[in-house]
């Protein structure tokens, strides 16, 4: 395929890249599913982050297909050695081959393949595929978000039903306006999938604790926004990707009115 320097108009590029993204993430999800609940080599990177040969195989597939088709785009993946040349690229693929590896290795279904195309730090295309539950989320900037081809929307309103809010217990409990016990939503292991549940309206809001990374967030960020929601830091600051530091602090995703209420609450009661 032609690259950016060939003079293809931006809109044509994104149409081409959207088709490439959909096809590639479907193939990556099929590969991950074929290895799901099988005997896999696994190890730990860093302090406690699990990795398996499935993560690497899926990453290799994504990298081969996406980078060969778009050779002048940057690349940032949880399972690839970081290359600072991405910082100078207009377009960058941001990839989590298997988001929710702990759940994947435990045989749970709350994992996904998450890929975004970022332009100048902001996501313009996004795909999050949960093959175990046959859910394919896709969004293109300015064109809405869809689940399996059907448009999705966040829930409206500003009310807070804690049974429909997911995320770290201390954050959810700090949101409470009363002494009433907070009933937590069951944990969703994949952060990208947790955020997409907001986009589809099955959750009213979702939090992420500190130290989430670009690859956990970029695709879901666009999907939430295109589903008429908002996803920001707890301060309300917008998220920007493909910086040298790829870690992010605590954040929240919700419909716009509910998001504004939550952000205002944390401005008054900041997390220590």
Protein backbone atom coordinates (compact mmCIF):
# COMPACT_ATOMS: atom_id res chain seq x y z
CA UNK A 1 0.00 0.00 0.00
CA UNK A 2 1.06 3.59 -0.55
CA UNK A 3 2.33 5.61 2.40
CA UNK A 4 1.64 9.16 3.59
CA UNK A 5 4.45 10.65 1.52
CA UNK A 6 2.88 9.39 -1.71
CA UNK A 7 0.42 12.29 -1.67
CA UNK A 8 -2.78 10.38 -0.83
CA UNK A 9 -5.36 12.75 0.65
CA UNK A 10 -5.91 12.39 4.39
CA UNK A 11 -9.53 11.22 4.02
CA UNK A 12 -8.46 8.53 1.56
CA UNK A 13 -5.72 7.44 3.94
CA UNK A 14 -8.16 7.02 6.80
CA UNK A 15 -10.65 5.09 4.66
CA UNK A 16 -7.83 2.77 3.63
CA UNK A 17 -6.53 2.47 7.18
CA UNK A 18 -10.00 1.80 8.62
CA UNK A 19 -10.42 -1.20 6.33
CA UNK A 20 -6.92 -2.39 7.19
CA UNK A 21 -7.57 -1.98 10.91
CA UNK A 22 -10.85 -3.91 10.87
CA UNK A 23 -9.45 -6.81 8.90
CA UNK A 24 -6.23 -7.02 10.92
CA UNK A 25 -7.88 -6.85 14.35
CA UNK A 26 -10.38 -9.53 13.30
CA UNK A 27 -7.45 -11.78 12.33
CA UNK A 28 -5.60 -10.97 15.54
CA UNK A 29 -8.66 -11.79 17.61
CA UNK A 30 -9.13 -15.08 15.80
CA UNK A 31 -5.51 -16.01 16.56
CA UNK A 32 -5.89 -15.07 20.24
CA UNK A 33 -9.10 -17.10 20.46
CA UNK A 34 -7.44 -20.14 18.87
CA UNK A 35 -4.85 -20.10 21.68
CA UNK A 36 -7.35 -19.32 24.45
CA UNK A 37 -7.65 -22.00 27.17
CA UNK A 38 -4.67 -23.94 25.79
CA UNK A 39 -1.35 -24.72 27.45
CA UNK A 40 0.81 -21.64 26.93
CA UNK A 41 4.27 -20.59 27.95
CA UNK A 42 3.98 -17.61 30.27
CA UNK A 43 6.27 -15.38 32.28
CA UNK A 44 6.32 -12.10 34.21
CA UNK A 45 7.76 -8.82 33.01
CA UNK A 46 8.53 -5.92 35.30
CA UNK A 47 7.21 -6.29 38.82
CA UNK A 48 4.07 -8.31 38.17
CA UNK A 49 2.80 -8.01 34.60
CA UNK A 50 1.97 -11.39 33.05
CA UNK A 51 2.92 -12.19 29.44
CA UNK A 52 2.30 -15.32 27.39
CA UNK A 53 3.33 -16.66 24.02
CA UNK A 54 -0.19 -15.72 22.86
CA UNK A 55 0.50 -12.03 23.58
CA UNK A 56 3.66 -12.21 21.49
CA UNK A 57 2.04 -14.14 18.63
CA UNK A 58 -0.83 -11.67 18.39
CA UNK A 59 1.57 -8.73 18.59
CA UNK A 60 3.67 -10.20 15.78
CA UNK A 61 0.62 -10.61 13.56
CA UNK A 62 -0.55 -7.05 14.18
CA UNK A 63 2.89 -5.57 13.67
CA UNK A 64 3.58 -7.48 10.46
CA UNK A 65 0.27 -6.56 8.83
CA UNK A 66 -0.04 -2.96 10.01
CA UNK A 67 3.57 -1.88 9.63
CA UNK A 68 4.07 -3.48 6.23
CA UNK A 69 0.96 -1.67 4.95
CA UNK A 70 1.90 1.69 6.51
CA UNK A 71 5.71 1.77 6.63
CA UNK A 72 6.02 5.43 7.55
CA UNK A 73 3.66 5.23 10.55
CA UNK A 74 5.02 4.98 14.07
CA UNK A 75 4.47 1.98 16.34
CA UNK A 76 3.80 1.73 20.08
CA UNK A 77 2.82 -1.62 21.57
CA UNK A 78 2.85 -3.11 25.04
CA UNK A 79 4.75 -6.10 23.68
CA UNK A 80 7.30 -4.34 21.43
CA UNK A 81 10.52 -2.55 22.34
CA UNK A 82 9.74 1.16 22.30
CA UNK A 83 11.27 3.16 19.44
CA UNK A 84 11.61 6.90 20.00
CA UNK A 85 11.22 7.52 16.27
CA UNK A 86 7.44 7.30 16.88
CA UNK A 87 7.59 10.71 18.55
CA UNK A 88 8.27 12.40 15.22
CA UNK A 89 5.53 10.55 13.32
CA UNK A 90 2.22 12.15 12.39
CA UNK A 91 0.41 8.79 12.49
CA UNK A 92 1.15 6.09 15.09
CA UNK A 93 -0.42 2.70 15.72
CA UNK A 94 -0.99 2.14 19.45
CA UNK A 95 -1.51 -1.52 20.27
CA UNK A 96 -2.38 -3.86 23.11
CA UNK A 97 -2.35 -7.36 21.60
CA UNK A 98 -4.24 -8.88 24.53
CA UNK A 99 -5.65 -6.43 27.05
CA UNK A 100 -6.55 -8.39 30.17
CA UNK A 101 -3.84 -11.04 29.98
CA UNK A 102 -4.51 -12.20 33.55
CA UNK A 103 -8.11 -12.98 32.67
CA UNK A 104 -7.05 -14.56 29.39
CA UNK A 105 -4.65 -16.92 31.16
CA UNK A 106 -7.27 -17.71 33.82
CA UNK A 107 -9.78 -18.73 31.15
CA UNK A 108 -12.10 -15.76 31.69
CA UNK A 109 -13.68 -13.98 28.74
CA UNK A 110 -13.04 -10.35 29.80
CA UNK A 111 -10.08 -9.72 27.46
CA UNK A 112 -9.71 -8.08 24.07
CA UNK A 113 -7.44 -6.92 21.27
CA UNK A 114 -7.16 -3.13 21.32
CA UNK A 115 -5.67 -1.01 18.51
CA UNK A 116 -5.88 2.72 17.77
CA UNK A 117 -4.46 4.91 15.04
CA UNK A 118 -3.36 8.21 16.54
CA UNK A 119 -2.77 11.40 14.54
CA UNK A 120 -0.70 14.12 16.23
CA UNK A 121 -1.47 12.65 19.64
CA UNK A 122 -5.23 12.10 19.22
CA UNK A 123 -6.96 8.85 18.19
CA UNK A 124 -8.69 8.92 14.80
CA UNK A 125 -9.47 5.21 14.33
CA UNK A 126 -10.12 2.57 16.98
CA UNK A 127 -10.94 -1.11 17.20
CA UNK A 128 -11.53 -3.16 20.35
CA UNK A 129 -12.35 -6.82 19.71
CA UNK A 130 -13.47 -9.27 22.42
CA UNK A 131 -13.54 -12.50 20.39
CA UNK A 132 -14.64 -14.75 23.27
CA UNK A 133 -17.93 -12.83 23.43
CA UNK A 134 -17.98 -11.94 19.70
CA UNK A 135 -18.00 -8.17 20.32
CA UNK A 136 -16.24 -5.89 17.85
CA UNK A 137 -16.21 -2.18 18.74
CA UNK A 138 -15.11 0.29 16.08
CA UNK A 139 -14.95 4.06 15.84
CA UNK A 140 -13.68 6.67 13.39
CA UNK A 141 -13.37 10.28 14.49
CA UNK A 142 -16.51 12.22 13.61
CA UNK A 143 -18.40 9.12 12.45
CA UNK A 144 -19.75 7.59 15.65
CA UNK A 145 -19.03 4.31 17.40
CA UNK A 146 -20.45 0.87 16.65
CA UNK A 147 -20.65 -2.57 18.20
CA UNK A 148 -20.84 -5.32 15.59
CA UNK A 149 -21.88 -2.71 13.03
CA UNK A 150 -24.68 -1.13 15.09
CA UNK A 151 -24.33 2.36 16.56
CA UNK A 152 -23.84 2.58 20.33
CA UNK A 153 -24.42 5.46 22.74
CA UNK A 154 -23.58 6.15 26.36
CA UNK A 155 -26.39 6.39 28.90
CA UNK A 156 -27.66 9.93 29.41
CA UNK A 157 -28.24 11.86 32.63
CA UNK A 158 -26.14 12.83 35.64
CA UNK A 159 -27.46 10.46 38.29
CA UNK A 160 -25.06 8.00 39.95
CA UNK A 161 -26.11 4.35 40.24
CA UNK A 162 -23.10 2.69 41.86
CA UNK A 163 -24.12 -0.75 40.63
CA UNK A 164 -23.47 0.61 37.12
CA UNK A 165 -20.04 2.13 37.84
CA UNK A 166 -16.88 0.05 37.47
CA UNK A 167 -13.31 0.63 38.52
CA UNK A 168 -10.97 0.53 41.52
CA UNK A 169 -12.92 0.34 44.78
CA UNK A 170 -11.27 3.38 46.46
CA UNK A 171 -12.19 5.64 43.55
CA UNK A 172 -15.78 4.46 43.32
CA UNK A 173 -16.26 4.73 47.08
CA UNK A 174 -14.77 8.24 47.13
CA UNK A 175 -17.46 9.25 44.66
CA UNK A 176 -20.20 8.40 47.14
CA UNK A 177 -22.13 11.37 48.51
CA UNK A 178 -23.45 9.48 51.54
CA UNK A 179 -22.50 6.88 54.13
CA UNK A 180 -24.53 4.25 52.29
CA UNK A 181 -22.53 1.17 51.33
CA UNK A 182 -21.42 1.23 47.71
CA UNK A 183 -22.35 -1.89 45.73
CA UNK A 184 -19.51 -2.37 43.29
CA UNK A 185 -20.01 -3.59 39.74
CA UNK A 186 -18.27 -6.92 39.07
CA UNK A 187 -14.67 -6.43 38.02
CA UNK A 188 -13.88 -6.29 34.29
CA UNK A 189 -10.27 -7.37 33.82
CA UNK A 190 -9.62 -5.59 30.53
CA UNK A 191 -9.49 -1.83 31.00
CA UNK A 192 -10.25 -1.20 27.32
CA UNK A 193 -13.31 -3.43 27.54
CA UNK A 194 -14.41 -1.79 30.79
CA UNK A 195 -14.37 1.61 29.07
CA UNK A 196 -16.19 0.26 26.02
CA UNK A 197 -18.98 -0.93 28.33
CA UNK A 198 -19.59 2.77 28.99
CA UNK A 199 -19.74 3.45 25.26
CA UNK A 200 -22.36 0.76 24.72
CA UNK A 201 -24.43 1.91 27.70
CA UNK A 202 -24.11 -1.20 29.88
CA UNK A 203 -22.14 0.89 32.40
CA UNK A 204 -22.89 4.49 33.36
CA UNK A 205 -19.27 5.28 34.21
CA UNK A 206 -15.88 3.61 34.54
CA UNK A 207 -12.67 4.58 36.29
CA UNK A 208 -9.05 3.67 35.70
CA UNK A 209 -6.47 3.85 38.44
CA UNK A 210 -3.09 5.45 37.96
CA UNK A 211 -0.39 4.05 35.69
CA UNK A 212 -2.57 2.92 32.81
CA UNK A 213 -0.69 3.23 29.51
CA UNK A 214 -1.40 4.56 26.04
CA UNK A 215 -2.16 1.05 24.76
CA UNK A 216 -4.77 0.49 27.49
CA UNK A 217 -6.64 3.68 26.64
CA UNK A 218 -6.28 5.11 23.15
CA UNK A 219 -8.78 2.92 21.29
CA UNK A 220 -11.40 2.95 24.05
CA UNK A 221 -11.00 6.71 24.40
CA UNK A 222 -12.17 7.32 20.84
CA UNK A 223 -14.96 4.75 21.11
CA UNK A 224 -16.33 6.48 24.23
CA UNK A 225 -16.10 9.92 22.63
CA UNK A 226 -17.80 8.79 19.44
CA UNK A 227 -20.58 7.22 21.52
CA UNK A 228 -21.35 10.75 22.82
CA UNK A 229 -19.38 10.31 26.02
CA UNK A 230 -16.31 11.89 27.52
CA UNK A 231 -13.13 10.33 28.88
CA UNK A 232 -10.52 12.43 30.66
CA UNK A 233 -8.22 12.60 33.64
CA UNK A 234 -10.07 13.12 36.93
CA UNK A 235 -9.07 16.78 36.61
CA UNK A 236 -11.04 17.01 33.37
CA UNK A 237 -7.88 17.37 31.29
CA UNK A 238 -7.96 15.71 27.89
CA UNK A 239 -5.77 12.68 27.22
CA UNK A 240 -2.95 12.99 24.70
CA UNK A 241 -1.07 10.02 23.28
CA UNK A 242 2.29 9.22 21.71
CA UNK A 243 4.32 11.25 24.15
CA UNK A 244 7.65 10.10 25.54
CA UNK A 245 5.93 9.19 28.81
CA UNK A 246 3.06 6.84 28.02
CA UNK A 247 1.71 6.40 31.57
CA UNK A 248 -1.47 8.21 32.63
CA UNK A 249 -3.00 9.04 35.98
CA UNK A 250 -6.49 8.26 37.25
CA UNK A 251 -9.28 8.87 34.75
CA UNK A 252 -13.00 8.55 34.21
CA UNK A 253 -15.30 7.78 31.28
CA UNK A 254 -19.03 8.53 31.25
CA UNK A 255 -21.81 10.30 29.39
CA UNK A 256 -21.15 14.03 29.18
CA UNK A 257 -23.48 15.21 31.96
CA UNK A 258 -22.46 12.44 34.34
CA UNK A 259 -18.80 12.93 33.46
CA UNK A 260 -19.04 16.65 34.28
CA UNK A 261 -20.64 15.85 37.64
CA UNK A 262 -17.95 13.31 38.51
CA UNK A 263 -15.09 15.63 37.52
CA UNK A 264 -16.58 18.45 39.60
CA UNK A 265 -16.89 16.07 42.56
CA UNK A 266 -13.20 15.16 42.37
CA UNK A 267 -12.21 18.79 42.00
CA UNK A 268 -13.90 19.43 45.34
CA UNK A 269 -12.60 16.19 46.88
CA UNK A 270 -9.27 15.47 45.16
CA UNK A 271 -7.68 12.08 45.62
CA UNK A 272 -4.73 12.37 48.04
